[in-house]
Amino acid sequence: MEEYENMTVAELKELLRGANLPVSGKKSELIARLVESNDSPQEVIEDVEMHEEDDDIFDDDDDEEFFDEEWDQIHTARQKPVLDDETKANLSIRAAQMKKQPKFRRQEWYRYYRLARTGWRKPKGMQSKQRLNMKYRTPMVRVGYGKIAAVRGLHPSGFEDILVNQPSDLDGLDPERQAIRIGAGVGNRKRANIHDRADDLGLRVLNRRKIDRKGDLK
């Protein structure tokens, strides 16, 4: 029981998947599900490793240096979405399309620093060189650059990106399909609470950052 408590939600879910058990619910529910299976943590881990030998990315002897104590302290497994084969194929196709897509620059972005830092705006001037498609002008956004509609709006990892601003926004989210992104205006106190709440629910925080917890933030 204590060994399960020291594991992350992502690690607990990997154990549940290896034991063909449901992976939904809070961390306490995941631990209770593993305890009910009457297997010790080491037995479950060994069983999962037997099924994942083919997918091990560290096959060479030269890569054993990654498994030292420092690596164990730095590396933390991240939650991954549960996707069907069609969605995975669409995401790979979209990634290949993104590599071929040009960078859309605002008109005269090279001239004004503030324009280089902002997003795309359609040129509307009657004599705009970019709008008239004259030579040596950057391309404009067009319908032909659109991607696969089935995965439109999904994070590159496959999660549905959900913007949250307070811990109560996490209620009702599905950790297998959705991940959260904390708003830029959220302070460290509330951000730390969202981090803790997301860890309890097994939700992945896409823009997680290190918070120096001092005083009452601990």
N, C-alpha and C. Protein backbone atom coordinates (compact mmCIF):
# COMPACT_ATOMS: atom_id res chain seq x y z
N MET A 1 0.84 -1.20 0.00
CA MET A 1 0.00 0.00 0.00
C MET A 1 0.87 1.26 0.00
N GLU A 2 1.91 1.28 0.85
CA GLU A 2 2.76 2.46 0.93
C GLU A 2 3.56 2.64 -0.36
N GLU A 3 3.91 1.52 -1.01
CA GLU A 3 4.66 1.64 -2.26
C GLU A 3 3.79 2.27 -3.34
N TYR A 4 2.51 1.95 -3.36
CA TYR A 4 1.59 2.58 -4.32
C TYR A 4 1.44 4.07 -4.05
N GLU A 5 1.44 4.46 -2.77
CA GLU A 5 1.26 5.87 -2.42
C GLU A 5 2.41 6.72 -2.96
N ASN A 6 3.61 6.18 -3.04
CA ASN A 6 4.77 6.92 -3.51
C ASN A 6 4.84 7.01 -5.03
N MET A 7 3.96 6.33 -5.74
CA MET A 7 3.97 6.33 -7.21
C MET A 7 3.07 7.44 -7.73
N THR A 8 3.35 7.91 -8.94
CA THR A 8 2.52 8.93 -9.57
C THR A 8 1.28 8.31 -10.20
N VAL A 9 0.33 9.17 -10.57
CA VAL A 9 -0.90 8.68 -11.20
C VAL A 9 -0.60 8.01 -12.53
N ALA A 10 0.34 8.58 -13.28
CA ALA A 10 0.69 8.00 -14.57
C ALA A 10 1.28 6.60 -14.40
N GLU A 11 2.12 6.41 -13.39
CA GLU A 11 2.71 5.09 -13.15
C GLU A 11 1.64 4.10 -12.69
N LEU A 12 0.71 4.55 -11.87
CA LEU A 12 -0.38 3.66 -11.44
C LEU A 12 -1.24 3.23 -12.62
N LYS A 13 -1.49 4.14 -13.55
CA LYS A 13 -2.30 3.80 -14.71
C LYS A 13 -1.59 2.78 -15.61
N GLU A 14 -0.27 2.89 -15.70
CA GLU A 14 0.48 1.92 -16.50
C GLU A 14 0.35 0.53 -15.89
N LEU A 15 0.38 0.46 -14.57
CA LEU A 15 0.21 -0.82 -13.89
C LEU A 15 -1.18 -1.38 -14.11
N LEU A 16 -2.19 -0.51 -14.06
CA LEU A 16 -3.56 -0.96 -14.28
C LEU A 16 -3.76 -1.46 -15.69
N ARG A 17 -3.18 -0.75 -16.67
CA ARG A 17 -3.32 -1.20 -18.06
C ARG A 17 -2.63 -2.55 -18.26
N GLY A 18 -1.48 -2.73 -17.61
CA GLY A 18 -0.79 -4.01 -17.74
C GLY A 18 -1.56 -5.15 -17.10
N ALA A 19 -2.38 -4.83 -16.07
CA ALA A 19 -3.21 -5.85 -15.43
C ALA A 19 -4.61 -5.93 -16.00
N ASN A 20 -4.85 -5.21 -17.13
CA ASN A 20 -6.18 -5.21 -17.78
C ASN A 20 -7.27 -4.75 -16.84
N LEU A 21 -6.99 -3.66 -16.10
CA LEU A 21 -7.96 -3.09 -15.17
C LEU A 21 -8.30 -1.67 -15.61
N PRO A 22 -9.48 -1.15 -15.22
CA PRO A 22 -9.86 0.23 -15.59
C PRO A 22 -8.87 1.24 -15.02
N VAL A 23 -8.68 2.35 -15.76
CA VAL A 23 -7.70 3.36 -15.35
C VAL A 23 -8.37 4.69 -14.99
N SER A 24 -9.67 4.72 -14.89
CA SER A 24 -10.37 5.97 -14.57
C SER A 24 -10.50 6.13 -13.05
N GLY A 25 -10.66 7.38 -12.61
CA GLY A 25 -10.87 7.65 -11.20
C GLY A 25 -9.71 8.41 -10.57
N LYS A 26 -9.86 8.72 -9.29
CA LYS A 26 -8.84 9.44 -8.55
C LYS A 26 -7.69 8.50 -8.16
N LYS A 27 -6.63 9.09 -7.61
CA LYS A 27 -5.47 8.30 -7.24
C LYS A 27 -5.83 7.27 -6.18
N SER A 28 -6.66 7.66 -5.22
CA SER A 28 -7.05 6.71 -4.17
C SER A 28 -7.82 5.53 -4.75
N GLU A 29 -8.65 5.78 -5.77
CA GLU A 29 -9.39 4.70 -6.40
C GLU A 29 -8.47 3.78 -7.18
N LEU A 30 -7.46 4.36 -7.83
CA LEU A 30 -6.50 3.53 -8.57
C LEU A 30 -5.73 2.62 -7.62
N ILE A 31 -5.32 3.17 -6.48
CA ILE A 31 -4.58 2.37 -5.50
C ILE A 31 -5.46 1.25 -4.96
N ALA A 32 -6.72 1.59 -4.65
CA ALA A 32 -7.64 0.56 -4.13
C ALA A 32 -7.86 -0.55 -5.16
N ARG A 33 -7.91 -0.19 -6.44
CA ARG A 33 -8.10 -1.19 -7.49
C ARG A 33 -6.91 -2.12 -7.59
N LEU A 34 -5.71 -1.55 -7.42
CA LEU A 34 -4.50 -2.39 -7.47
C LEU A 34 -4.40 -3.29 -6.24
N VAL A 35 -4.79 -2.76 -5.08
CA VAL A 35 -4.74 -3.56 -3.86
C VAL A 35 -5.72 -4.72 -3.95
N GLU A 36 -6.89 -4.49 -4.53
CA GLU A 36 -7.89 -5.55 -4.66
C GLU A 36 -7.45 -6.66 -5.59
N SER A 37 -6.49 -6.34 -6.48
CA SER A 37 -6.01 -7.38 -7.40
C SER A 37 -5.13 -8.41 -6.70
N ASN A 38 -4.79 -8.15 -5.40
CA ASN A 38 -4.03 -9.10 -4.57
C ASN A 38 -2.64 -9.38 -5.12
N ASP A 39 -2.06 -8.42 -5.85
CA ASP A 39 -0.70 -8.55 -6.37
C ASP A 39 0.17 -7.49 -5.72
N SER A 40 1.40 -7.84 -5.42
CA SER A 40 2.34 -6.86 -4.89
C SER A 40 2.77 -5.93 -6.00
N PRO A 41 3.22 -4.71 -5.68
CA PRO A 41 3.66 -3.77 -6.72
C PRO A 41 4.75 -4.34 -7.60
N GLN A 42 5.70 -5.09 -7.00
CA GLN A 42 6.80 -5.62 -7.80
C GLN A 42 6.29 -6.65 -8.81
N GLU A 43 5.30 -7.48 -8.40
CA GLU A 43 4.75 -8.48 -9.32
C GLU A 43 4.02 -7.81 -10.47
N VAL A 44 3.28 -6.74 -10.18
CA VAL A 44 2.56 -6.03 -11.24
C VAL A 44 3.53 -5.37 -12.20
N ILE A 45 4.60 -4.76 -11.66
CA ILE A 45 5.59 -4.10 -12.51
C ILE A 45 6.28 -5.11 -13.41
N GLU A 46 6.65 -6.28 -12.86
CA GLU A 46 7.30 -7.29 -13.68
C GLU A 46 6.37 -7.78 -14.78
N ASP A 47 5.08 -7.90 -14.48
CA ASP A 47 4.12 -8.35 -15.49
C ASP A 47 3.98 -7.33 -16.60
N VAL A 48 3.99 -6.03 -16.24
CA VAL A 48 3.89 -4.98 -17.26
C VAL A 48 5.14 -4.94 -18.12
N GLU A 49 6.30 -5.12 -17.49
CA GLU A 49 7.55 -5.08 -18.25
C GLU A 49 7.63 -6.22 -19.25
N MET A 50 7.06 -7.38 -18.92
CA MET A 50 7.07 -8.50 -19.85
C MET A 50 6.28 -8.19 -21.11
N HIS A 51 5.22 -7.38 -20.98
CA HIS A 51 4.40 -7.03 -22.14
C HIS A 51 4.95 -5.84 -22.90
N GLU A 52 5.89 -5.11 -22.29
CA GLU A 52 6.39 -3.90 -22.94
C GLU A 52 7.83 -4.02 -23.40
N GLU A 53 8.35 -5.25 -23.43
CA GLU A 53 9.74 -5.43 -23.86
C GLU A 53 9.94 -5.00 -25.29
N ASP A 54 8.94 -5.24 -26.15
CA ASP A 54 9.06 -4.89 -27.56
C ASP A 54 9.02 -3.38 -27.77
N ASP A 55 8.42 -2.65 -26.85
CA ASP A 55 8.28 -1.21 -27.00
C ASP A 55 9.34 -0.43 -26.25
N ASP A 56 10.32 -1.12 -25.67
CA ASP A 56 11.35 -0.45 -24.88
C ASP A 56 12.25 0.35 -25.79
N ILE A 57 12.41 1.64 -25.50
CA ILE A 57 13.22 2.50 -26.36
C ILE A 57 14.69 2.47 -25.96
N PHE A 58 15.02 1.84 -24.83
CA PHE A 58 16.40 1.76 -24.39
C PHE A 58 16.87 0.32 -24.55
N ASP A 59 17.14 -0.09 -25.78
CA ASP A 59 17.55 -1.45 -26.06
C ASP A 59 19.06 -1.62 -26.06
N ASP A 60 19.83 -0.57 -26.35
CA ASP A 60 21.27 -0.69 -26.48
C ASP A 60 21.94 -0.65 -25.12
N ASP A 61 23.09 -1.33 -25.04
CA ASP A 61 23.85 -1.32 -23.79
C ASP A 61 24.42 0.05 -23.51
N ASP A 62 24.62 0.86 -24.56
CA ASP A 62 25.20 2.19 -24.37
C ASP A 62 24.26 3.13 -23.63
N ASP A 63 22.97 2.77 -23.58
CA ASP A 63 21.99 3.67 -22.98
C ASP A 63 21.74 3.34 -21.52
N GLU A 64 22.55 2.45 -20.92
CA GLU A 64 22.33 2.10 -19.53
C GLU A 64 22.61 3.27 -18.60
N GLU A 65 23.37 4.26 -19.08
CA GLU A 65 23.68 5.40 -18.24
C GLU A 65 22.44 6.22 -17.90
N PHE A 66 21.37 6.03 -18.66
CA PHE A 66 20.15 6.80 -18.38
C PHE A 66 19.45 6.29 -17.14
N PHE A 67 19.77 5.11 -16.67
CA PHE A 67 19.03 4.51 -15.58
C PHE A 67 19.77 4.66 -14.25
N ASP A 68 20.53 5.72 -14.10
CA ASP A 68 21.19 5.95 -12.83
C ASP A 68 20.25 6.68 -11.89
N GLU A 69 20.74 7.01 -10.71
CA GLU A 69 19.88 7.64 -9.70
C GLU A 69 19.40 9.01 -10.13
N GLU A 70 20.26 9.77 -10.83
CA GLU A 70 19.85 11.10 -11.26
C GLU A 70 18.69 11.02 -12.23
N TRP A 71 18.71 10.04 -13.15
CA TRP A 71 17.63 9.91 -14.11
C TRP A 71 16.32 9.59 -13.41
N ASP A 72 16.36 8.72 -12.39
CA ASP A 72 15.14 8.37 -11.66
C ASP A 72 14.54 9.58 -10.97
N GLN A 73 15.40 10.53 -10.55
CA GLN A 73 14.89 11.71 -9.87
C GLN A 73 14.33 12.74 -10.84
N ILE A 74 14.87 12.78 -12.06
CA ILE A 74 14.46 13.79 -13.02
C ILE A 74 13.26 13.32 -13.83
N HIS A 75 13.30 12.08 -14.31
CA HIS A 75 12.28 11.61 -15.23
C HIS A 75 10.96 11.33 -14.51
N THR A 76 9.87 11.81 -15.07
CA THR A 76 8.53 11.54 -14.56
C THR A 76 7.63 11.21 -15.74
N ALA A 77 6.99 10.06 -15.68
CA ALA A 77 6.13 9.64 -16.78
C ALA A 77 4.92 10.56 -16.88
N ARG A 78 4.58 10.94 -18.10
CA ARG A 78 3.43 11.82 -18.33
C ARG A 78 2.22 11.00 -18.77
N GLN A 79 1.04 11.51 -18.41
CA GLN A 79 -0.16 10.85 -18.85
C GLN A 79 -0.27 10.90 -20.36
N LYS A 80 -0.76 9.83 -20.93
CA LYS A 80 -0.96 9.76 -22.37
C LYS A 80 -2.43 9.50 -22.64
N PRO A 81 -2.98 10.07 -23.72
CA PRO A 81 -4.41 9.88 -24.01
C PRO A 81 -4.69 8.47 -24.53
N VAL A 82 -5.91 8.05 -24.34
CA VAL A 82 -6.37 6.77 -24.88
C VAL A 82 -7.03 7.05 -26.23
N LEU A 83 -6.34 6.72 -27.31
CA LEU A 83 -6.79 7.05 -28.67
C LEU A 83 -7.01 5.78 -29.48
N ASP A 84 -7.94 5.86 -30.43
CA ASP A 84 -8.13 4.75 -31.35
C ASP A 84 -7.12 4.85 -32.49
N ASP A 85 -7.05 3.81 -33.29
CA ASP A 85 -6.06 3.75 -34.37
C ASP A 85 -6.29 4.85 -35.41
N GLU A 86 -7.55 5.17 -35.68
CA GLU A 86 -7.85 6.19 -36.68
C GLU A 86 -7.36 7.57 -36.23
N THR A 87 -7.58 7.89 -34.95
CA THR A 87 -7.12 9.18 -34.44
C THR A 87 -5.60 9.27 -34.44
N LYS A 88 -4.92 8.18 -34.09
CA LYS A 88 -3.46 8.17 -34.12
C LYS A 88 -2.95 8.40 -35.54
N ALA A 89 -3.60 7.76 -36.52
CA ALA A 89 -3.17 7.94 -37.91
C ALA A 89 -3.40 9.38 -38.36
N ASN A 90 -4.53 9.97 -37.96
CA ASN A 90 -4.82 11.35 -38.35
C ASN A 90 -3.82 12.32 -37.71
N LEU A 91 -3.41 12.06 -36.47
CA LEU A 91 -2.44 12.92 -35.82
C LEU A 91 -1.08 12.85 -36.51
N SER A 92 -0.69 11.66 -36.94
CA SER A 92 0.59 11.54 -37.64
C SER A 92 0.55 12.24 -38.99
N ILE A 93 -0.60 12.16 -39.68
CA ILE A 93 -0.75 12.86 -40.96
C ILE A 93 -0.70 14.37 -40.75
N ARG A 94 -1.37 14.85 -39.69
CA ARG A 94 -1.36 16.29 -39.40
C ARG A 94 0.05 16.77 -39.07
N ALA A 95 0.82 15.95 -38.33
CA ALA A 95 2.19 16.34 -38.01
C ALA A 95 3.04 16.46 -39.27
N ALA A 96 2.83 15.55 -40.23
CA ALA A 96 3.58 15.63 -41.49
C ALA A 96 3.16 16.87 -42.28
N GLN A 97 1.87 17.22 -42.25
CA GLN A 97 1.39 18.41 -42.94
C GLN A 97 1.96 19.68 -42.32
N MET A 98 2.08 19.70 -40.99
CA MET A 98 2.60 20.88 -40.31
C MET A 98 4.05 21.16 -40.69
N LYS A 99 4.83 20.11 -40.98
CA LYS A 99 6.22 20.31 -41.36
C LYS A 99 6.33 21.00 -42.72
N LYS A 100 5.35 20.78 -43.58
CA LYS A 100 5.38 21.37 -44.91
C LYS A 100 4.75 22.77 -44.94
N GLN A 101 4.03 23.13 -43.89
CA GLN A 101 3.32 24.40 -43.88
C GLN A 101 4.29 25.57 -43.67
N PRO A 102 4.19 26.63 -44.45
CA PRO A 102 5.09 27.78 -44.27
C PRO A 102 4.71 28.60 -43.03
N LYS A 103 5.62 29.44 -42.59
CA LYS A 103 5.33 30.34 -41.48
C LYS A 103 4.56 31.55 -42.01
N PHE A 104 3.41 31.80 -41.43
CA PHE A 104 2.59 32.93 -41.86
C PHE A 104 3.01 34.17 -41.07
N ARG A 105 3.56 35.13 -41.79
CA ARG A 105 4.05 36.37 -41.18
C ARG A 105 3.10 37.52 -41.48
N ARG A 106 3.01 38.43 -40.53
CA ARG A 106 2.20 39.62 -40.76
C ARG A 106 2.89 40.55 -41.75
N GLN A 107 2.10 41.37 -42.37
CA GLN A 107 2.63 42.32 -43.34
C GLN A 107 3.66 43.25 -42.67
N GLU A 108 4.85 43.35 -43.31
CA GLU A 108 5.96 44.17 -42.80
C GLU A 108 6.40 43.72 -41.40
N TRP A 109 6.36 42.42 -41.18
CA TRP A 109 6.79 41.90 -39.88
C TRP A 109 8.27 42.16 -39.64
N TYR A 110 9.05 42.23 -40.71
CA TYR A 110 10.48 42.45 -40.59
C TYR A 110 10.81 43.90 -40.23
N ARG A 111 9.85 44.76 -40.36
CA ARG A 111 10.08 46.20 -40.18
C ARG A 111 9.79 46.66 -38.76
N TYR A 112 8.78 46.05 -38.15
CA TYR A 112 8.35 46.46 -36.81
C TYR A 112 8.41 45.25 -35.88
N TYR A 113 9.12 45.42 -34.79
CA TYR A 113 9.33 44.32 -33.86
C TYR A 113 8.00 43.82 -33.27
N ARG A 114 7.08 44.71 -33.00
CA ARG A 114 5.81 44.30 -32.39
C ARG A 114 4.99 43.44 -33.34
N LEU A 115 5.13 43.65 -34.65
CA LEU A 115 4.39 42.84 -35.61
C LEU A 115 4.98 41.43 -35.70
N ALA A 116 6.29 41.30 -35.48
CA ALA A 116 6.92 39.98 -35.55
C ALA A 116 6.50 39.10 -34.39
N ARG A 117 6.03 39.69 -33.31
CA ARG A 117 5.69 38.93 -32.12
C ARG A 117 4.19 38.62 -32.03
N THR A 118 3.39 39.18 -32.90
CA THR A 118 1.95 38.97 -32.83
C THR A 118 1.52 37.91 -33.84
N GLY A 119 0.28 37.49 -33.73
CA GLY A 119 -0.24 36.46 -34.62
C GLY A 119 -0.59 36.99 -36.00
N TRP A 120 -1.17 36.11 -36.79
CA TRP A 120 -1.50 36.44 -38.17
C TRP A 120 -2.66 37.44 -38.25
N ARG A 121 -2.54 38.41 -39.15
CA ARG A 121 -3.62 39.33 -39.48
C ARG A 121 -3.70 39.46 -40.99
N LYS A 122 -4.88 39.37 -41.52
CA LYS A 122 -5.05 39.43 -42.96
C LYS A 122 -4.80 40.85 -43.47
N PRO A 123 -3.97 41.01 -44.50
CA PRO A 123 -3.75 42.36 -45.05
C PRO A 123 -4.97 42.84 -45.82
N LYS A 124 -5.39 44.09 -45.58
CA LYS A 124 -6.61 44.62 -46.19
C LYS A 124 -6.38 45.89 -47.01
N GLY A 125 -5.16 46.34 -47.10
CA GLY A 125 -4.88 47.56 -47.85
C GLY A 125 -5.12 47.36 -49.35
N MET A 126 -5.60 48.40 -50.03
CA MET A 126 -5.87 48.31 -51.46
C MET A 126 -4.59 48.05 -52.25
N GLN A 127 -3.49 48.59 -51.80
CA GLN A 127 -2.22 48.44 -52.51
C GLN A 127 -1.24 47.55 -51.73
N SER A 128 -1.76 46.72 -50.88
CA SER A 128 -0.90 45.84 -50.09
C SER A 128 -0.19 44.85 -51.01
N LYS A 129 1.13 44.79 -50.90
CA LYS A 129 1.91 43.88 -51.73
C LYS A 129 1.62 42.43 -51.38
N GLN A 130 1.40 42.18 -50.10
CA GLN A 130 1.11 40.82 -49.68
C GLN A 130 -0.28 40.38 -50.14
N ARG A 131 -1.26 41.28 -50.04
CA ARG A 131 -2.61 40.92 -50.47
C ARG A 131 -2.67 40.69 -51.97
N LEU A 132 -1.86 41.41 -52.75
CA LEU A 132 -1.85 41.27 -54.20
C LEU A 132 -0.94 40.13 -54.67
N ASN A 133 -0.36 39.39 -53.72
CA ASN A 133 0.49 38.23 -54.04
C ASN A 133 1.67 38.60 -54.94
N MET A 134 2.29 39.72 -54.66
CA MET A 134 3.45 40.09 -55.44
C MET A 134 4.66 39.25 -55.03
N LYS A 135 5.70 39.29 -55.84
CA LYS A 135 6.85 38.42 -55.62
C LYS A 135 7.56 38.76 -54.31
N TYR A 136 8.21 37.72 -53.78
CA TYR A 136 9.02 37.83 -52.58
C TYR A 136 8.22 38.25 -51.34
N ARG A 137 6.91 38.04 -51.38
CA ARG A 137 6.08 38.32 -50.20
C ARG A 137 5.73 36.99 -49.53
N THR A 138 5.61 37.02 -48.22
CA THR A 138 5.30 35.80 -47.49
C THR A 138 3.88 35.34 -47.83
N PRO A 139 3.61 34.02 -47.79
CA PRO A 139 2.29 33.50 -48.14
C PRO A 139 1.22 33.90 -47.13
N MET A 140 0.00 33.94 -47.59
CA MET A 140 -1.13 34.27 -46.73
C MET A 140 -1.86 32.99 -46.32
N VAL A 141 -2.61 33.08 -45.24
CA VAL A 141 -3.43 31.97 -44.78
C VAL A 141 -4.55 31.73 -45.78
N ARG A 142 -4.71 30.47 -46.19
CA ARG A 142 -5.75 30.13 -47.15
C ARG A 142 -6.43 28.83 -46.73
N VAL A 143 -7.56 28.56 -47.37
CA VAL A 143 -8.33 27.36 -47.05
C VAL A 143 -7.52 26.10 -47.33
N GLY A 144 -6.69 26.14 -48.35
CA GLY A 144 -5.93 24.95 -48.73
C GLY A 144 -4.94 24.48 -47.69
N TYR A 145 -4.61 25.31 -46.71
CA TYR A 145 -3.68 24.91 -45.66
C TYR A 145 -4.39 24.22 -44.50
N GLY A 146 -5.69 24.02 -44.60
CA GLY A 146 -6.44 23.38 -43.52
C GLY A 146 -6.01 21.94 -43.30
N LYS A 147 -6.13 21.47 -42.06
CA LYS A 147 -5.72 20.12 -41.69
C LYS A 147 -6.95 19.22 -41.55
N ILE A 148 -6.72 18.00 -41.11
CA ILE A 148 -7.79 17.02 -40.95
C ILE A 148 -8.78 17.51 -39.90
N ALA A 149 -10.05 17.55 -40.26
CA ALA A 149 -11.05 18.10 -39.36
C ALA A 149 -11.28 17.22 -38.14
N ALA A 150 -11.04 15.91 -38.25
CA ALA A 150 -11.32 15.00 -37.14
C ALA A 150 -10.43 15.27 -35.93
N VAL A 151 -9.23 15.80 -36.16
CA VAL A 151 -8.31 16.06 -35.04
C VAL A 151 -8.04 17.55 -34.89
N ARG A 152 -8.89 18.37 -35.45
CA ARG A 152 -8.70 19.81 -35.35
C ARG A 152 -8.89 20.27 -33.91
N GLY A 153 -7.97 21.05 -33.41
CA GLY A 153 -8.06 21.55 -32.05
C GLY A 153 -7.41 20.67 -31.01
N LEU A 154 -6.94 19.48 -31.38
CA LEU A 154 -6.30 18.60 -30.42
C LEU A 154 -4.84 18.99 -30.22
N HIS A 155 -4.36 18.78 -29.01
CA HIS A 155 -2.95 18.98 -28.71
C HIS A 155 -2.12 17.96 -29.49
N PRO A 156 -0.85 18.26 -29.83
CA PRO A 156 -0.02 17.28 -30.54
C PRO A 156 0.05 15.92 -29.86
N SER A 157 -0.10 15.87 -28.55
CA SER A 157 -0.09 14.59 -27.84
C SER A 157 -1.37 13.80 -28.06
N GLY A 158 -2.43 14.47 -28.52
CA GLY A 158 -3.72 13.80 -28.72
C GLY A 158 -4.77 14.21 -27.73
N PHE A 159 -4.40 14.97 -26.70
CA PHE A 159 -5.36 15.42 -25.71
C PHE A 159 -6.21 16.57 -26.25
N GLU A 160 -7.42 16.67 -25.72
CA GLU A 160 -8.24 17.85 -25.94
C GLU A 160 -7.80 18.92 -24.95
N ASP A 161 -7.40 20.07 -25.45
CA ASP A 161 -6.81 21.14 -24.64
C ASP A 161 -7.93 21.94 -23.97
N ILE A 162 -7.97 21.92 -22.62
CA ILE A 162 -8.99 22.61 -21.85
C ILE A 162 -8.34 23.72 -21.03
N LEU A 163 -8.80 24.96 -21.21
CA LEU A 163 -8.27 26.09 -20.46
C LEU A 163 -9.00 26.19 -19.12
N VAL A 164 -8.23 26.28 -18.03
CA VAL A 164 -8.80 26.37 -16.69
C VAL A 164 -8.19 27.57 -15.98
N ASN A 165 -8.96 28.14 -15.05
CA ASN A 165 -8.50 29.28 -14.28
C ASN A 165 -8.67 29.09 -12.77
N GLN A 166 -9.31 28.01 -12.36
CA GLN A 166 -9.50 27.74 -10.94
C GLN A 166 -9.69 26.23 -10.74
N PRO A 167 -9.43 25.73 -9.54
CA PRO A 167 -9.50 24.28 -9.31
C PRO A 167 -10.86 23.68 -9.62
N SER A 168 -11.95 24.43 -9.44
CA SER A 168 -13.27 23.88 -9.70
C SER A 168 -13.51 23.59 -11.18
N ASP A 169 -12.71 24.20 -12.06
CA ASP A 169 -12.87 23.94 -13.50
C ASP A 169 -12.45 22.52 -13.88
N LEU A 170 -11.77 21.81 -12.97
CA LEU A 170 -11.30 20.47 -13.28
C LEU A 170 -12.37 19.41 -13.07
N ASP A 171 -13.46 19.77 -12.41
CA ASP A 171 -14.51 18.79 -12.13
C ASP A 171 -15.18 18.34 -13.43
N GLY A 172 -15.34 17.04 -13.56
CA GLY A 172 -16.03 16.47 -14.71
C GLY A 172 -15.15 16.24 -15.93
N LEU A 173 -13.85 16.52 -15.85
CA LEU A 173 -12.96 16.30 -16.99
C LEU A 173 -12.53 14.84 -17.06
N ASP A 174 -12.31 14.35 -18.26
CA ASP A 174 -11.91 12.97 -18.48
C ASP A 174 -10.39 12.91 -18.63
N PRO A 175 -9.66 12.29 -17.70
CA PRO A 175 -8.19 12.25 -17.81
C PRO A 175 -7.67 11.42 -18.97
N GLU A 176 -8.52 10.61 -19.58
CA GLU A 176 -8.08 9.78 -20.70
C GLU A 176 -8.21 10.51 -22.03
N ARG A 177 -8.96 11.60 -22.07
CA ARG A 177 -9.15 12.32 -23.34
C ARG A 177 -8.78 13.79 -23.25
N GLN A 178 -8.81 14.37 -22.04
CA GLN A 178 -8.65 15.80 -21.89
C GLN A 178 -7.44 16.13 -21.02
N ALA A 179 -6.78 17.22 -21.35
CA ALA A 179 -5.67 17.77 -20.55
C ALA A 179 -5.94 19.24 -20.33
N ILE A 180 -5.37 19.81 -19.29
CA ILE A 180 -5.68 21.19 -18.93
C ILE A 180 -4.50 22.10 -19.24
N ARG A 181 -4.83 23.35 -19.51
CA ARG A 181 -3.84 24.41 -19.68
C ARG A 181 -4.26 25.56 -18.77
N ILE A 182 -3.39 25.94 -17.85
CA ILE A 182 -3.71 26.97 -16.87
C ILE A 182 -3.57 28.34 -17.50
N GLY A 183 -4.53 29.22 -17.24
CA GLY A 183 -4.52 30.56 -17.79
C GLY A 183 -3.30 31.35 -17.36
N ALA A 184 -2.87 32.27 -18.22
CA ALA A 184 -1.65 33.05 -17.96
C ALA A 184 -1.82 33.98 -16.76
N GLY A 185 -3.04 34.40 -16.46
CA GLY A 185 -3.25 35.33 -15.36
C GLY A 185 -3.42 34.68 -14.01
N VAL A 186 -3.29 33.37 -13.91
CA VAL A 186 -3.46 32.68 -12.64
C VAL A 186 -2.20 32.81 -11.80
N GLY A 187 -2.36 33.18 -10.53
CA GLY A 187 -1.22 33.36 -9.64
C GLY A 187 -0.67 32.04 -9.13
N ASN A 188 0.47 32.11 -8.47
CA ASN A 188 1.15 30.90 -8.00
C ASN A 188 0.35 30.14 -6.95
N ARG A 189 -0.36 30.85 -6.09
CA ARG A 189 -1.13 30.19 -5.05
C ARG A 189 -2.23 29.31 -5.66
N LYS A 190 -3.00 29.90 -6.56
CA LYS A 190 -4.07 29.14 -7.20
C LYS A 190 -3.50 28.10 -8.17
N ARG A 191 -2.38 28.43 -8.81
CA ARG A 191 -1.75 27.49 -9.74
C ARG A 191 -1.29 26.23 -9.01
N ALA A 192 -0.72 26.41 -7.80
CA ALA A 192 -0.29 25.26 -7.01
C ALA A 192 -1.49 24.39 -6.62
N ASN A 193 -2.61 25.03 -6.28
CA ASN A 193 -3.82 24.26 -5.95
C ASN A 193 -4.32 23.48 -7.17
N ILE A 194 -4.22 24.09 -8.35
CA ILE A 194 -4.65 23.40 -9.57
C ILE A 194 -3.74 22.22 -9.86
N HIS A 195 -2.42 22.39 -9.63
CA HIS A 195 -1.48 21.29 -9.82
C HIS A 195 -1.83 20.11 -8.92
N ASP A 196 -2.09 20.40 -7.65
CA ASP A 196 -2.40 19.34 -6.69
C ASP A 196 -3.72 18.66 -7.05
N ARG A 197 -4.70 19.46 -7.43
CA ARG A 197 -6.01 18.90 -7.79
C ARG A 197 -5.90 18.05 -9.07
N ALA A 198 -5.11 18.50 -10.02
CA ALA A 198 -4.93 17.74 -11.27
C ALA A 198 -4.21 16.42 -11.00
N ASP A 199 -3.24 16.42 -10.09
CA ASP A 199 -2.54 15.18 -9.76
C ASP A 199 -3.47 14.18 -9.09
N ASP A 200 -4.38 14.67 -8.25
CA ASP A 200 -5.33 13.77 -7.60
C ASP A 200 -6.30 13.16 -8.61
N LEU A 201 -6.69 13.94 -9.62
CA LEU A 201 -7.64 13.46 -10.63
C LEU A 201 -6.95 12.74 -11.78
N GLY A 202 -5.63 12.76 -11.82
CA GLY A 202 -4.91 12.11 -12.92
C GLY A 202 -4.92 12.89 -14.21
N LEU A 203 -5.10 14.21 -14.13
CA LEU A 203 -5.14 15.06 -15.31
C LEU A 203 -3.74 15.58 -15.63
N ARG A 204 -3.43 15.67 -16.88
CA ARG A 204 -2.13 16.19 -17.31
C ARG A 204 -2.21 17.71 -17.47
N VAL A 205 -1.21 18.41 -16.93
CA VAL A 205 -1.12 19.86 -17.06
C VAL A 205 -0.13 20.16 -18.19
N LEU A 206 -0.61 20.74 -19.27
CA LEU A 206 0.21 20.94 -20.45
C LEU A 206 1.26 22.03 -20.25
N ASN A 207 0.95 23.02 -19.44
CA ASN A 207 1.90 24.11 -19.21
C ASN A 207 2.33 24.15 -17.74
N ARG A 208 2.61 22.98 -17.19
CA ARG A 208 3.06 22.91 -15.80
C ARG A 208 4.43 23.59 -15.66
N ARG A 209 4.60 24.34 -14.60
CA ARG A 209 5.88 24.97 -14.35
C ARG A 209 6.23 24.82 -12.87
N LYS A 210 7.53 24.92 -12.61
CA LYS A 210 8.00 24.73 -11.25
C LYS A 210 7.62 25.92 -10.39
N ILE A 211 7.05 25.64 -9.22
CA ILE A 211 6.63 26.69 -8.29
C ILE A 211 7.42 26.53 -7.01
N ASP A 212 8.11 27.57 -6.61
CA ASP A 212 8.87 27.56 -5.37
C ASP A 212 7.91 27.79 -4.21
N ARG A 213 7.51 26.70 -3.57
CA ARG A 213 6.49 26.79 -2.50
C ARG A 213 7.15 27.19 -1.20
N LYS A 214 6.84 28.39 -0.75
CA LYS A 214 7.38 28.91 0.48
C LYS A 214 6.23 29.30 1.42
N GLY A 215 6.50 29.21 2.70
CA GLY A 215 5.50 29.65 3.66
C GLY A 215 4.23 28.83 3.59
N ASP A 216 3.08 29.53 3.43
CA ASP A 216 1.79 28.84 3.41
C ASP A 216 1.49 28.20 2.06
N LEU A 217 2.40 28.31 1.07
CA LEU A 217 2.18 27.64 -0.20
C LEU A 217 2.59 26.17 -0.15
N LYS A 218 3.28 25.76 0.93
CA LYS A 218 3.71 24.37 1.03
C LYS A 218 2.50 23.46 1.28
